[in-house]
Amino acid sequence: MALYYDIGAICRQYDDDKELVKGELVGFISSSSKTLKLIKKAIVEKNYVEVLEYLNALKPSLEFLGLDQALEELVFIEKWTQEKGKIKEVKENFKSFKVYIKKANKEIKKDFSLS
C-alpha cells in the first residue's frame, strides 16, 4: 500500500491500463525532479513569478497523485510568492515540499520497479 501517493485517479482516468499508468508515473518522476531544482533556483533568486509558474506546472500532478502533504506546502509557497516574502520565510516549507515529492518518487520507483 502506498504511503505517499494515491494512483486511484490515474487508474480511473486510464481504465486501469498498466502501461499508460506507468508512463504517467515515469513522466511525473522525471518532470518533478527537474521542476524542484528550478523552483529552488527561482527561490534563491527571489524570482517570485517563476516560482509560481513552476508550482502551477506541478500542482495538477500533485493533485492527480494525491500528494496532499506536498499540496499543503505548495499553498504556503504560493502565498509567499504573492507576498514577495523573504527567503528564510519559505525555506523550511520548500524543504518539506521537496521531501514529500522525493519520498513519493522513491516509493513509486520501488512499487513499479522503475529505475
PDB file of N, CA and C in Angstrom:
ATOM      1  N   MET A   1       0.834  -1.185   0.000  1.00  0.00           N
ATOM      2  CA  MET A   1       0.000   0.000   0.000  1.00  0.00           C
ATOM      3  C   MET A   1       0.880   1.250   0.000  1.00  0.00           C
ATOM      4  N   ALA A   2       0.558   2.160  -0.849  1.00  0.00           N
ATOM      5  CA  ALA A   2       1.339   3.384  -0.989  1.00  0.00           C
ATOM      6  C   ALA A   2       1.085   4.315   0.196  1.00  0.00           C
ATOM      7  N   LEU A   3       2.169   4.878   0.712  1.00  0.00           N
ATOM      8  CA  LEU A   3       2.068   5.817   1.831  1.00  0.00           C
ATOM      9  C   LEU A   3       2.070   7.265   1.374  1.00  0.00           C
ATOM     10  N   TYR A   4       2.763   7.542   0.276  1.00  0.00           N
ATOM     11  CA  TYR A   4       2.999   8.928  -0.128  1.00  0.00           C
ATOM     12  C   TYR A   4       2.233   9.360  -1.375  1.00  0.00           C
ATOM     13  N   TYR A   5       1.519   8.459  -2.002  1.00  0.00           N
ATOM     14  CA  TYR A   5       0.783   8.815  -3.214  1.00  0.00           C
ATOM     15  C   TYR A   5      -0.451   7.929  -3.333  1.00  0.00           C
ATOM     16  N   ASP A   6      -1.340   8.290  -4.245  1.00  0.00           N
ATOM     17  CA  ASP A   6      -2.557   7.526  -4.491  1.00  0.00           C
ATOM     18  C   ASP A   6      -2.804   7.540  -5.999  1.00  0.00           C
ATOM     19  N   ILE A   7      -2.736   6.374  -6.618  1.00  0.00           N
ATOM     20  CA  ILE A   7      -2.902   6.317  -8.079  1.00  0.00           C
ATOM     21  C   ILE A   7      -4.337   6.014  -8.503  1.00  0.00           C
ATOM     22  N   GLY A   8      -5.254   6.073  -7.566  1.00  0.00           N
ATOM     23  CA  GLY A   8      -6.653   5.774  -7.890  1.00  0.00           C
ATOM     24  C   GLY A   8      -7.186   6.619  -9.034  1.00  0.00           C
ATOM     25  N   ALA A   9      -6.925   7.909  -8.995  1.00  0.00           N
ATOM     26  CA  ALA A   9      -7.431   8.811 -10.044  1.00  0.00           C
ATOM     27  C   ALA A   9      -6.813   8.491 -11.401  1.00  0.00           C
ATOM     28  N   ILE A  10      -5.526   8.171 -11.399  1.00  0.00           N
ATOM     29  CA  ILE A  10      -4.854   7.833 -12.669  1.00  0.00           C
ATOM     30  C   ILE A  10      -5.408   6.528 -13.227  1.00  0.00           C
ATOM     31  N   CYS A  11      -5.596   5.546 -12.356  1.00  0.00           N
ATOM     32  CA  CYS A  11      -6.141   4.261 -12.817  1.00  0.00           C
ATOM     33  C   CYS A  11      -7.531   4.433 -13.412  1.00  0.00           C
ATOM     34  N   ARG A  12      -8.352   5.255 -12.771  1.00  0.00           N
ATOM     35  CA  ARG A  12      -9.695   5.512 -13.321  1.00  0.00           C
ATOM     36  C   ARG A  12      -9.601   6.243 -14.659  1.00  0.00           C
ATOM     37  N   GLN A  13      -8.714   7.225 -14.717  1.00  0.00           N
ATOM     38  CA  GLN A  13      -8.548   8.020 -15.948  1.00  0.00           C
ATOM     39  C   GLN A  13      -8.153   7.133 -17.131  1.00  0.00           C
ATOM     40  N   TYR A  14      -7.283   6.167 -16.868  1.00  0.00           N
ATOM     41  CA  TYR A  14      -6.763   5.311 -17.945  1.00  0.00           C
ATOM     42  C   TYR A  14      -7.355   3.903 -17.920  1.00  0.00           C
ATOM     43  N   ASP A  15      -8.510   3.739 -17.311  1.00  0.00           N
ATOM     44  CA  ASP A  15      -9.211   2.448 -17.261  1.00  0.00           C
ATOM     45  C   ASP A  15      -8.292   1.306 -16.841  1.00  0.00           C
ATOM     46  N   ASP A  16      -7.485   1.550 -15.833  1.00  0.00           N
ATOM     47  CA  ASP A  16      -6.560   0.558 -15.270  1.00  0.00           C
ATOM     48  C   ASP A  16      -5.560   0.002 -16.292  1.00  0.00           C
ATOM     49  N   ASP A  17      -5.274   0.744 -17.346  1.00  0.00           N
ATOM     50  CA  ASP A  17      -4.251   0.341 -18.315  1.00  0.00           C
ATOM     51  C   ASP A  17      -2.879   0.548 -17.669  1.00  0.00           C
ATOM     52  N   LYS A  18      -2.253  -0.569 -17.290  1.00  0.00           N
ATOM     53  CA  LYS A  18      -0.999  -0.518 -16.533  1.00  0.00           C
ATOM     54  C   LYS A  18       0.118   0.229 -17.256  1.00  0.00           C
ATOM     55  N   GLU A  19       0.198   0.089 -18.553  1.00  0.00           N
ATOM     56  CA  GLU A  19       1.259   0.763 -19.307  1.00  0.00           C
ATOM     57  C   GLU A  19       1.064   2.280 -19.332  1.00  0.00           C
ATOM     58  N   LEU A  20      -0.172   2.719 -19.515  1.00  0.00           N
ATOM     59  CA  LEU A  20      -0.443   4.158 -19.507  1.00  0.00           C
ATOM     60  C   LEU A  20      -0.193   4.755 -18.118  1.00  0.00           C
ATOM     61  N   VAL A  21      -0.619   4.022 -17.088  1.00  0.00           N
ATOM     62  CA  VAL A  21      -0.400   4.487 -15.713  1.00  0.00           C
ATOM     63  C   VAL A  21       1.096   4.582 -15.436  1.00  0.00           C
ATOM     64  N   LYS A  22       1.812   3.548 -15.812  1.00  0.00           N
ATOM     65  CA  LYS A  22       3.264   3.532 -15.599  1.00  0.00           C
ATOM     66  C   LYS A  22       3.941   4.680 -16.353  1.00  0.00           C
ATOM     67  N   GLY A  23       3.495   4.931 -17.576  1.00  0.00           N
ATOM     68  CA  GLY A  23       4.049   6.029 -18.371  1.00  0.00           C
ATOM     69  C   GLY A  23       3.802   7.383 -17.714  1.00  0.00           C
ATOM     70  N   GLU A  24       2.619   7.548 -17.159  1.00  0.00           N
ATOM     71  CA  GLU A  24       2.276   8.792 -16.460  1.00  0.00           C
ATOM     72  C   GLU A  24       3.158   8.970 -15.220  1.00  0.00           C
ATOM     73  N   LEU A  25       3.390   7.884 -14.514  1.00  0.00           N
ATOM     74  CA  LEU A  25       4.227   7.944 -13.312  1.00  0.00           C
ATOM     75  C   LEU A  25       5.682   8.247 -13.659  1.00  0.00           C
ATOM     76  N   VAL A  26       6.173   7.640 -14.730  1.00  0.00           N
ATOM     77  CA  VAL A  26       7.546   7.925 -15.181  1.00  0.00           C
ATOM     78  C   VAL A  26       7.665   9.405 -15.544  1.00  0.00           C
ATOM     79  N   GLY A  27       6.674   9.925 -16.227  1.00  0.00           N
ATOM     80  CA  GLY A  27       6.673  11.343 -16.587  1.00  0.00           C
ATOM     81  C   GLY A  27       6.666  12.241 -15.364  1.00  0.00           C
ATOM     82  N   PHE A  28       5.889  11.874 -14.355  1.00  0.00           N
ATOM     83  CA  PHE A  28       5.847  12.660 -13.119  1.00  0.00           C
ATOM     84  C   PHE A  28       7.207  12.663 -12.428  1.00  0.00           C
ATOM     85  N   ILE A  29       7.814  11.509 -12.319  1.00  0.00           N
ATOM     86  CA  ILE A  29       9.116  11.413 -11.645  1.00  0.00           C
ATOM     87  C   ILE A  29      10.139  12.278 -12.350  1.00  0.00           C
ATOM     88  N   SER A  30      10.179  12.178 -13.649  1.00  0.00           N
ATOM     89  CA  SER A  30      11.143  12.948 -14.439  1.00  0.00           C
ATOM     90  C   SER A  30      10.901  14.451 -14.324  1.00  0.00           C
ATOM     91  N   SER A  31       9.663  14.859 -14.525  1.00  0.00           N
ATOM     92  CA  SER A  31       9.376  16.296 -14.520  1.00  0.00           C
ATOM     93  C   SER A  31       9.461  16.892 -13.122  1.00  0.00           C
ATOM     94  N   SER A  32       9.034  16.158 -12.109  1.00  0.00           N
ATOM     95  CA  SER A  32       9.052  16.724 -10.757  1.00  0.00           C
ATOM     96  C   SER A  32      10.474  16.943 -10.264  1.00  0.00           C
ATOM     97  N   SER A  33      11.372  16.044 -10.593  1.00  0.00           N
ATOM     98  CA  SER A  33      12.776  16.202 -10.174  1.00  0.00           C
ATOM     99  C   SER A  33      13.379  17.458 -10.791  1.00  0.00           C
ATOM    100  N   LYS A  34      13.124  17.661 -12.066  1.00  0.00           N
ATOM    101  CA  LYS A  34      13.641  18.848 -12.751  1.00  0.00           C
ATOM    102  C   LYS A  34      12.984  20.118 -12.213  1.00  0.00           C
ATOM    103  N   THR A  35      11.678  20.057 -11.989  1.00  0.00           N
ATOM    104  CA  THR A  35      10.943  21.226 -11.531  1.00  0.00           C
ATOM    105  C   THR A  35      11.367  21.646 -10.126  1.00  0.00           C
ATOM    106  N   LEU A  36      11.661  20.681  -9.269  1.00  0.00           N
ATOM    107  CA  LEU A  36      12.126  21.013  -7.920  1.00  0.00           C
ATOM    108  C   LEU A  36      13.418  21.827  -7.964  1.00  0.00           C
ATOM    109  N   LYS A  37      14.318  21.445  -8.853  1.00  0.00           N
ATOM    110  CA  LYS A  37      15.578  22.192  -8.996  1.00  0.00           C
ATOM    111  C   LYS A  37      15.320  23.610  -9.486  1.00  0.00           C
ATOM    112  N   LEU A  38      14.398  23.737 -10.429  1.00  0.00           N
ATOM    113  CA  LEU A  38      14.062  25.060 -10.961  1.00  0.00           C
ATOM    114  C   LEU A  38      13.393  25.938  -9.912  1.00  0.00           C
ATOM    115  N   ILE A  39      12.539  25.330  -9.094  1.00  0.00           N
ATOM    116  CA  ILE A  39      11.880  26.091  -8.028  1.00  0.00           C
ATOM    117  C   ILE A  39      12.913  26.583  -7.024  1.00  0.00           C
ATOM    118  N   LYS A  40      13.816  25.696  -6.647  1.00  0.00           N
ATOM    119  CA  LYS A  40      14.850  26.087  -5.679  1.00  0.00           C
ATOM    120  C   LYS A  40      15.677  27.260  -6.214  1.00  0.00           C
ATOM    121  N   LYS A  41      16.075  27.166  -7.475  1.00  0.00           N
ATOM    122  CA  LYS A  41      16.863  28.233  -8.098  1.00  0.00           C
ATOM    123  C   LYS A  41      16.072  29.550  -8.108  1.00  0.00           C
ATOM    124  N   ALA A  42      14.803  29.475  -8.461  1.00  0.00           N
ATOM    125  CA  ALA A  42      13.967  30.674  -8.517  1.00  0.00           C
ATOM    126  C   ALA A  42      13.752  31.271  -7.119  1.00  0.00           C
ATOM    127  N   ILE A  43      13.638  30.427  -6.110  1.00  0.00           N
ATOM    128  CA  ILE A  43      13.501  30.927  -4.738  1.00  0.00           C
ATOM    129  C   ILE A  43      14.756  31.679  -4.334  1.00  0.00           C
ATOM    130  N   VAL A  44      15.905  31.067  -4.593  1.00  0.00           N
ATOM    131  CA  VAL A  44      17.182  31.701  -4.239  1.00  0.00           C
ATOM    132  C   VAL A  44      17.326  33.058  -4.933  1.00  0.00           C
ATOM    133  N   GLU A  45      16.861  33.129  -6.173  1.00  0.00           N
ATOM    134  CA  GLU A  45      16.940  34.376  -6.946  1.00  0.00           C
ATOM    135  C   GLU A  45      15.779  35.326  -6.639  1.00  0.00           C
ATOM    136  N   LYS A  46      14.879  34.903  -5.762  1.00  0.00           N
ATOM    137  CA  LYS A  46      13.674  35.665  -5.429  1.00  0.00           C
ATOM    138  C   LYS A  46      12.876  36.028  -6.681  1.00  0.00           C
ATOM    139  N   ASN A  47      12.836  35.089  -7.602  1.00  0.00           N
ATOM    140  CA  ASN A  47      12.053  35.272  -8.820  1.00  0.00           C
ATOM    141  C   ASN A  47      10.658  34.690  -8.557  1.00  0.00           C
ATOM    142  N   TYR A  48       9.823  35.495  -7.942  1.00  0.00           N
ATOM    143  CA  TYR A  48       8.507  35.053  -7.487  1.00  0.00           C
ATOM    144  C   TYR A  48       7.629  34.559  -8.626  1.00  0.00           C
ATOM    145  N   VAL A  49       7.726  35.209  -9.773  1.00  0.00           N
ATOM    146  CA  VAL A  49       6.908  34.827 -10.932  1.00  0.00           C
ATOM    147  C   VAL A  49       7.270  33.414 -11.389  1.00  0.00           C
ATOM    148  N   GLU A  50       8.563  33.139 -11.490  1.00  0.00           N
ATOM    149  CA  GLU A  50       8.991  31.796 -11.911  1.00  0.00           C
ATOM    150  C   GLU A  50       8.607  30.744 -10.882  1.00  0.00           C
ATOM    151  N   VAL A  51       8.776  31.035  -9.609  1.00  0.00           N
ATOM    152  CA  VAL A  51       8.385  30.078  -8.569  1.00  0.00           C
ATOM    153  C   VAL A  51       6.915  29.712  -8.759  1.00  0.00           C
ATOM    154  N   LEU A  52       6.084  30.712  -8.932  1.00  0.00           N
ATOM    155  CA  LEU A  52       4.649  30.479  -9.100  1.00  0.00           C
ATOM    156  C   LEU A  52       4.353  29.678 -10.373  1.00  0.00           C
ATOM    157  N   GLU A  53       5.046  29.991 -11.456  1.00  0.00           N
ATOM    158  CA  GLU A  53       4.850  29.248 -12.715  1.00  0.00           C
ATOM    159  C   GLU A  53       5.212  27.772 -12.540  1.00  0.00           C
ATOM    160  N   TYR A  54       6.343  27.506 -11.889  1.00  0.00           N
ATOM    161  CA  TYR A  54       6.767  26.121 -11.682  1.00  0.00           C
ATOM    162  C   TYR A  54       5.814  25.373 -10.752  1.00  0.00           C
ATOM    163  N   LEU A  55       5.340  26.059  -9.723  1.00  0.00           N
ATOM    164  CA  LEU A  55       4.370  25.438  -8.821  1.00  0.00           C
ATOM    165  C   LEU A  55       3.082  25.107  -9.564  1.00  0.00           C
ATOM    166  N   ASN A  56       2.628  26.044 -10.400  1.00  0.00           N
ATOM    167  CA  ASN A  56       1.402  25.811 -11.163  1.00  0.00           C
ATOM    168  C   ASN A  56       1.558  24.666 -12.162  1.00  0.00           C
ATOM    169  N   ALA A  57       2.767  24.474 -12.672  1.00  0.00           N
ATOM    170  CA  ALA A  57       3.013  23.362 -13.592  1.00  0.00           C
ATOM    171  C   ALA A  57       2.971  22.020 -12.853  1.00  0.00           C
ATOM    172  N   LEU A  58       3.404  22.011 -11.619  1.00  0.00           N
ATOM    173  CA  LEU A  58       3.492  20.784 -10.832  1.00  0.00           C
ATOM    174  C   LEU A  58       2.178  20.449 -10.115  1.00  0.00           C
ATOM    175  N   LYS A  59       1.400  21.451  -9.811  1.00  0.00           N
ATOM    176  CA  LYS A  59       0.194  21.285  -8.994  1.00  0.00           C
ATOM    177  C   LYS A  59      -0.790  20.238  -9.522  1.00  0.00           C
ATOM    178  N   PRO A  60      -1.130  20.210 -10.815  1.00  0.00           N
ATOM    179  CA  PRO A  60      -2.087  19.200 -11.288  1.00  0.00           C
ATOM    180  C   PRO A  60      -1.614  17.764 -11.051  1.00  0.00           C
ATOM    181  N   SER A  61      -0.339  17.526 -11.218  1.00  0.00           N
ATOM    182  CA  SER A  61       0.196  16.181 -10.979  1.00  0.00           C
ATOM    183  C   SER A  61       0.109  15.816  -9.504  1.00  0.00           C
ATOM    184  N   LEU A  62       0.398  16.771  -8.640  1.00  0.00           N
ATOM    185  CA  LEU A  62       0.320  16.512  -7.201  1.00  0.00           C
ATOM    186  C   LEU A  62      -1.112  16.196  -6.797  1.00  0.00           C
ATOM    187  N   GLU A  63      -2.063  16.929  -7.362  1.00  0.00           N
ATOM    188  CA  GLU A  63      -3.472  16.671  -7.080  1.00  0.00           C
ATOM    189  C   GLU A  63      -3.885  15.311  -7.626  1.00  0.00           C
ATOM    190  N   PHE A  64      -3.456  14.991  -8.826  1.00  0.00           N
ATOM    191  CA  PHE A  64      -3.798  13.743  -9.502  1.00  0.00           C
ATOM    192  C   PHE A  64      -3.245  12.543  -8.744  1.00  0.00           C
ATOM    193  N   LEU A  65      -2.076  12.712  -8.128  1.00  0.00           N
ATOM    194  CA  LEU A  65      -1.439  11.625  -7.389  1.00  0.00           C
ATOM    195  C   LEU A  65      -1.757  11.639  -5.896  1.00  0.00           C
ATOM    196  N   GLY A  66      -2.584  12.572  -5.481  1.00  0.00           N
ATOM    197  CA  GLY A  66      -2.997  12.605  -4.085  1.00  0.00           C
ATOM    198  C   GLY A  66      -1.879  12.926  -3.107  1.00  0.00           C
ATOM    199  N   LEU A  67      -0.954  13.768  -3.503  1.00  0.00           N
ATOM    200  CA  LEU A  67       0.142  14.173  -2.618  1.00  0.00           C
ATOM    201  C   LEU A  67      -0.318  15.364  -1.769  1.00  0.00           C
ATOM    202  N   ASP A  68      -1.209  15.082  -0.843  1.00  0.00           N
ATOM    203  CA  ASP A  68      -1.854  16.138  -0.059  1.00  0.00           C
ATOM    204  C   ASP A  68      -0.875  16.940   0.799  1.00  0.00           C
ATOM    205  N   GLN A  69       0.101  16.269   1.387  1.00  0.00           N
ATOM    206  CA  GLN A  69       1.068  16.979   2.222  1.00  0.00           C
ATOM    207  C   GLN A  69       1.889  17.957   1.390  1.00  0.00           C
ATOM    208  N   ALA A  70       2.295  17.521   0.222  1.00  0.00           N
ATOM    209  CA  ALA A  70       3.048  18.405  -0.676  1.00  0.00           C
ATOM    210  C   ALA A  70       2.169  19.583  -1.102  1.00  0.00           C
ATOM    211  N   LEU A  71       0.899  19.327  -1.335  1.00  0.00           N
ATOM    212  CA  LEU A  71      -0.020  20.398  -1.734  1.00  0.00           C
ATOM    213  C   LEU A  71      -0.193  21.438  -0.623  1.00  0.00           C
ATOM    214  N   GLU A  72      -0.180  20.986   0.627  1.00  0.00           N
ATOM    215  CA  GLU A  72      -0.271  21.938   1.745  1.00  0.00           C
ATOM    216  C   GLU A  72       0.930  22.884   1.742  1.00  0.00           C
ATOM    217  N   GLU A  73       2.116  22.337   1.505  1.00  0.00           N
ATOM    218  CA  GLU A  73       3.315  23.167   1.452  1.00  0.00           C
ATOM    219  C   GLU A  73       3.287  24.070   0.217  1.00  0.00           C
ATOM    220  N   LEU A  74       2.768  23.551  -0.879  1.00  0.00           N
ATOM    221  CA  LEU A  74       2.659  24.338  -2.104  1.00  0.00           C
ATOM    222  C   LEU A  74       1.812  25.593  -1.873  1.00  0.00           C
ATOM    223  N   VAL A  75       0.723  25.446  -1.145  1.00  0.00           N
ATOM    224  CA  VAL A  75      -0.153  26.591  -0.860  1.00  0.00           C
ATOM    225  C   VAL A  75       0.624  27.662  -0.089  1.00  0.00           C
ATOM    226  N   PHE A  76       1.418  27.236   0.877  1.00  0.00           N
ATOM    227  CA  PHE A  76       2.211  28.207   1.642  1.00  0.00           C
ATOM    228  C   PHE A  76       3.235  28.900   0.749  1.00  0.00           C
ATOM    229  N   ILE A  77       3.879  28.134  -0.128  1.00  0.00           N
ATOM    230  CA  ILE A  77       4.879  28.719  -1.033  1.00  0.00           C
ATOM    231  C   ILE A  77       4.207  29.689  -1.999  1.00  0.00           C
ATOM    232  N   GLU A  78       3.016  29.341  -2.491  1.00  0.00           N
ATOM    233  CA  GLU A  78       2.261  30.260  -3.353  1.00  0.00           C
ATOM    234  C   GLU A  78       1.983  31.579  -2.626  1.00  0.00           C
ATOM    235  N   LYS A  79       1.572  31.465  -1.380  1.00  0.00           N
ATOM    236  CA  LYS A  79       1.294  32.667  -0.581  1.00  0.00           C
ATOM    237  C   LYS A  79       2.564  33.505  -0.432  1.00  0.00           C
ATOM    238  N   TRP A  80       3.688  32.834  -0.224  1.00  0.00           N
ATOM    239  CA  TRP A  80       4.985  33.521  -0.110  1.00  0.00           C
ATOM    240  C   TRP A  80       5.287  34.308  -1.385  1.00  0.00           C
ATOM    241  N   THR A  81       4.986  33.738  -2.546  1.00  0.00           N
ATOM    242  CA  THR A  81       5.243  34.455  -3.807  1.00  0.00           C
ATOM    243  C   THR A  81       4.355  35.679  -3.931  1.00  0.00           C
ATOM    244  N   GLN A  82       3.120  35.560  -3.505  1.00  0.00           N
ATOM    245  CA  GLN A  82       2.190  36.679  -3.597  1.00  0.00           C
ATOM    246  C   GLN A  82       2.584  37.819  -2.659  1.00  0.00           C
ATOM    247  N   GLU A  83       3.123  37.444  -1.505  1.00  0.00           N
ATOM    248  CA  GLU A  83       3.537  38.454  -0.525  1.00  0.00           C
ATOM    249  C   GLU A  83       4.963  38.949  -0.767  1.00  0.00           C
ATOM    250  N   LYS A  84       5.646  38.310  -1.736  1.00  0.00           N
ATOM    251  CA  LYS A  84       7.044  38.629  -2.037  1.00  0.00           C
ATOM    252  C   LYS A  84       7.880  38.623  -0.754  1.00  0.00           C
ATOM    253  N   GLY A  85       7.780  37.484  -0.073  1.00  0.00           N
ATOM    254  CA  GLY A  85       8.447  37.320   1.216  1.00  0.00           C
ATOM    255  C   GLY A  85       9.945  37.109   1.110  1.00  0.00           C
ATOM    256  N   LYS A  86      10.543  36.981   2.277  1.00  0.00           N
ATOM    257  CA  LYS A  86      11.975  36.734   2.367  1.00  0.00           C
ATOM    258  C   LYS A  86      12.240  35.241   2.237  1.00  0.00           C
ATOM    259  N   ILE A  87      13.431  34.905   1.767  1.00  0.00           N
ATOM    260  CA  ILE A  87      13.785  33.506   1.543  1.00  0.00           C
ATOM    261  C   ILE A  87      13.651  32.687   2.818  1.00  0.00           C
ATOM    262  N   LYS A  88      14.088  33.233   3.934  1.00  0.00           N
ATOM    263  CA  LYS A  88      14.045  32.476   5.186  1.00  0.00           C
ATOM    264  C   LYS A  88      12.615  32.106   5.586  1.00  0.00           C
ATOM    265  N   GLU A  89      11.646  32.865   5.099  1.00  0.00           N
ATOM    266  CA  GLU A  89      10.242  32.593   5.416  1.00  0.00           C
ATOM    267  C   GLU A  89       9.713  31.350   4.704  1.00  0.00           C
ATOM    268  N   VAL A  90      10.341  30.958   3.629  1.00  0.00           N
ATOM    269  CA  VAL A  90       9.831  29.848   2.820  1.00  0.00           C
ATOM    270  C   VAL A  90      10.781  28.643   2.820  1.00  0.00           C
ATOM    271  N   LYS A  91      11.946  28.834   3.356  1.00  0.00           N
ATOM    272  CA  LYS A  91      12.993  27.806   3.301  1.00  0.00           C
ATOM    273  C   LYS A  91      12.526  26.443   3.833  1.00  0.00           C
ATOM    274  N   GLU A  92      11.947  26.423   5.020  1.00  0.00           N
ATOM    275  CA  GLU A  92      11.514  25.155   5.624  1.00  0.00           C
ATOM    276  C   GLU A  92      10.332  24.539   4.878  1.00  0.00           C
ATOM    277  N   ASN A  93       9.434  25.390   4.379  1.00  0.00           N
ATOM    278  CA  ASN A  93       8.305  24.863   3.618  1.00  0.00           C
ATOM    279  C   ASN A  93       8.761  24.220   2.323  1.00  0.00           C
ATOM    280  N   PHE A  94       9.717  24.856   1.654  1.00  0.00           N
ATOM    281  CA  PHE A  94      10.224  24.263   0.422  1.00  0.00           C
ATOM    282  C   PHE A  94      10.934  22.952   0.718  1.00  0.00           C
ATOM    283  N   LYS A  95      11.681  22.922   1.815  1.00  0.00           N
ATOM    284  CA  LYS A  95      12.388  21.691   2.185  1.00  0.00           C
ATOM    285  C   LYS A  95      11.383  20.555   2.407  1.00  0.00           C
ATOM    286  N   SER A  96      10.297  20.824   3.119  1.00  0.00           N
ATOM    287  CA  SER A  96       9.259  19.815   3.352  1.00  0.00           C
ATOM    288  C   SER A  96       8.586  19.417   2.044  1.00  0.00           C
ATOM    289  N   PHE A  97       8.281  20.399   1.218  1.00  0.00           N
ATOM    290  CA  PHE A  97       7.672  20.164  -0.092  1.00  0.00           C
ATOM    291  C   PHE A  97       8.528  19.202  -0.908  1.00  0.00           C
ATOM    292  N   LYS A  98       9.818  19.482  -0.940  1.00  0.00           N
ATOM    293  CA  LYS A  98      10.757  18.653  -1.688  1.00  0.00           C
ATOM    294  C   LYS A  98      10.824  17.233  -1.115  1.00  0.00           C
ATOM    295  N   VAL A  99      10.840  17.122   0.196  1.00  0.00           N
ATOM    296  CA  VAL A  99      10.910  15.801   0.844  1.00  0.00           C
ATOM    297  C   VAL A  99       9.678  14.971   0.495  1.00  0.00           C
ATOM    298  N   TYR A 100       8.491  15.563   0.563  1.00  0.00           N
ATOM    299  CA  TYR A 100       7.267  14.816   0.243  1.00  0.00           C
ATOM    300  C   TYR A 100       7.292  14.306  -1.191  1.00  0.00           C
ATOM    301  N   ILE A 101       7.731  15.133  -2.109  1.00  0.00           N
ATOM    302  CA  ILE A 101       7.777  14.721  -3.514  1.00  0.00           C
ATOM    303  C   ILE A 101       8.841  13.645  -3.717  1.00  0.00           C
ATOM    304  N   LYS A 102       9.999  13.822  -3.105  1.00  0.00           N
ATOM    305  CA  LYS A 102      11.061  12.819  -3.255  1.00  0.00           C
ATOM    306  C   LYS A 102      10.657  11.478  -2.653  1.00  0.00           C
ATOM    307  N   LYS A 103       9.970  11.498  -1.525  1.00  0.00           N
ATOM    308  CA  LYS A 103       9.505  10.244  -0.923  1.00  0.00           C
ATOM    309  C   LYS A 103       8.489   9.556  -1.830  1.00  0.00           C
ATOM    310  N   ALA A 104       7.588  10.342  -2.414  1.00  0.00           N
ATOM    311  CA  ALA A 104       6.609   9.775  -3.347  1.00  0.00           C
ATOM    312  C   ALA A 104       7.322   9.190  -4.557  1.00  0.00           C
ATOM    313  N   ASN A 105       8.297   9.917  -5.097  1.00  0.00           N
ATOM    314  CA  ASN A 105       9.054   9.418  -6.251  1.00  0.00           C
ATOM    315  C   ASN A 105       9.758   8.112  -5.919  1.00  0.00           C
ATOM    316  N   LYS A 106      10.384   8.066  -4.770  1.00  0.00           N
ATOM    317  CA  LYS A 106      11.112   6.853  -4.354  1.00  0.00           C
ATOM    318  C   LYS A 106      10.153   5.679  -4.209  1.00  0.00           C
ATOM    319  N   GLU A 107       9.008   5.933  -3.595  1.00  0.00           N
ATOM    320  CA  GLU A 107       8.027   4.856  -3.406  1.00  0.00           C
ATOM    321  C   GLU A 107       7.445   4.403  -4.739  1.00  0.00           C
ATOM    322  N   ILE A 108       7.168   5.333  -5.632  1.00  0.00           N
ATOM    323  CA  ILE A 108       6.651   4.964  -6.962  1.00  0.00           C
ATOM    324  C   ILE A 108       7.681   4.106  -7.711  1.00  0.00           C
ATOM    325  N   LYS A 109       8.937   4.536  -7.672  1.00  0.00           N
ATOM    326  CA  LYS A 109      10.001   3.767  -8.340  1.00  0.00           C
ATOM    327  C   LYS A 109      10.060   2.342  -7.793  1.00  0.00           C
ATOM    328  N   LYS A 110       9.974   2.211  -6.480  1.00  0.00           N
ATOM    329  CA  LYS A 110      10.035   0.890  -5.868  1.00  0.00           C
ATOM    330  C   LYS A 110       8.805   0.056  -6.228  1.00  0.00           C
ATOM    331  N   ASP A 111       7.618   0.654  -6.078  1.00  0.00           N
ATOM    332  CA  ASP A 111       6.370  -0.077  -6.320  1.00  0.00           C
ATOM    333  C   ASP A 111       6.194  -0.505  -7.769  1.00  0.00           C
ATOM    334  N   PHE A 112       6.744   0.262  -8.696  1.00  0.00           N
ATOM    335  CA  PHE A 112       6.556  -0.031 -10.116  1.00  0.00           C
ATOM    336  C   PHE A 112       7.841  -0.514 -10.790  1.00  0.00           C
ATOM    337  N   SER A 113       8.828  -0.836  -9.986  1.00  0.00           N
ATOM    338  CA  SER A 113      10.127  -1.335 -10.496  1.00  0.00           C
ATOM    339  C   SER A 113      10.715  -0.406 -11.559  1.00  0.00           C
ATOM    340  N   LEU A 114      10.729   0.876 -11.241  1.00  0.00           N
ATOM    341  CA  LEU A 114      11.302   1.864 -12.149  1.00  0.00           C
ATOM    342  C   LEU A 114      12.704   2.199 -11.669  1.00  0.00           C
ATOM    343  N   SER A 115      13.569   2.524 -12.604  1.00  0.00           N
ATOM    344  CA  SER A 115      14.936   2.871 -12.175  1.00  0.00           C
ATOM    345  C   SER A 115      15.142   4.363 -12.148  1.00  0.00           C
TER     346      SER A 115
END
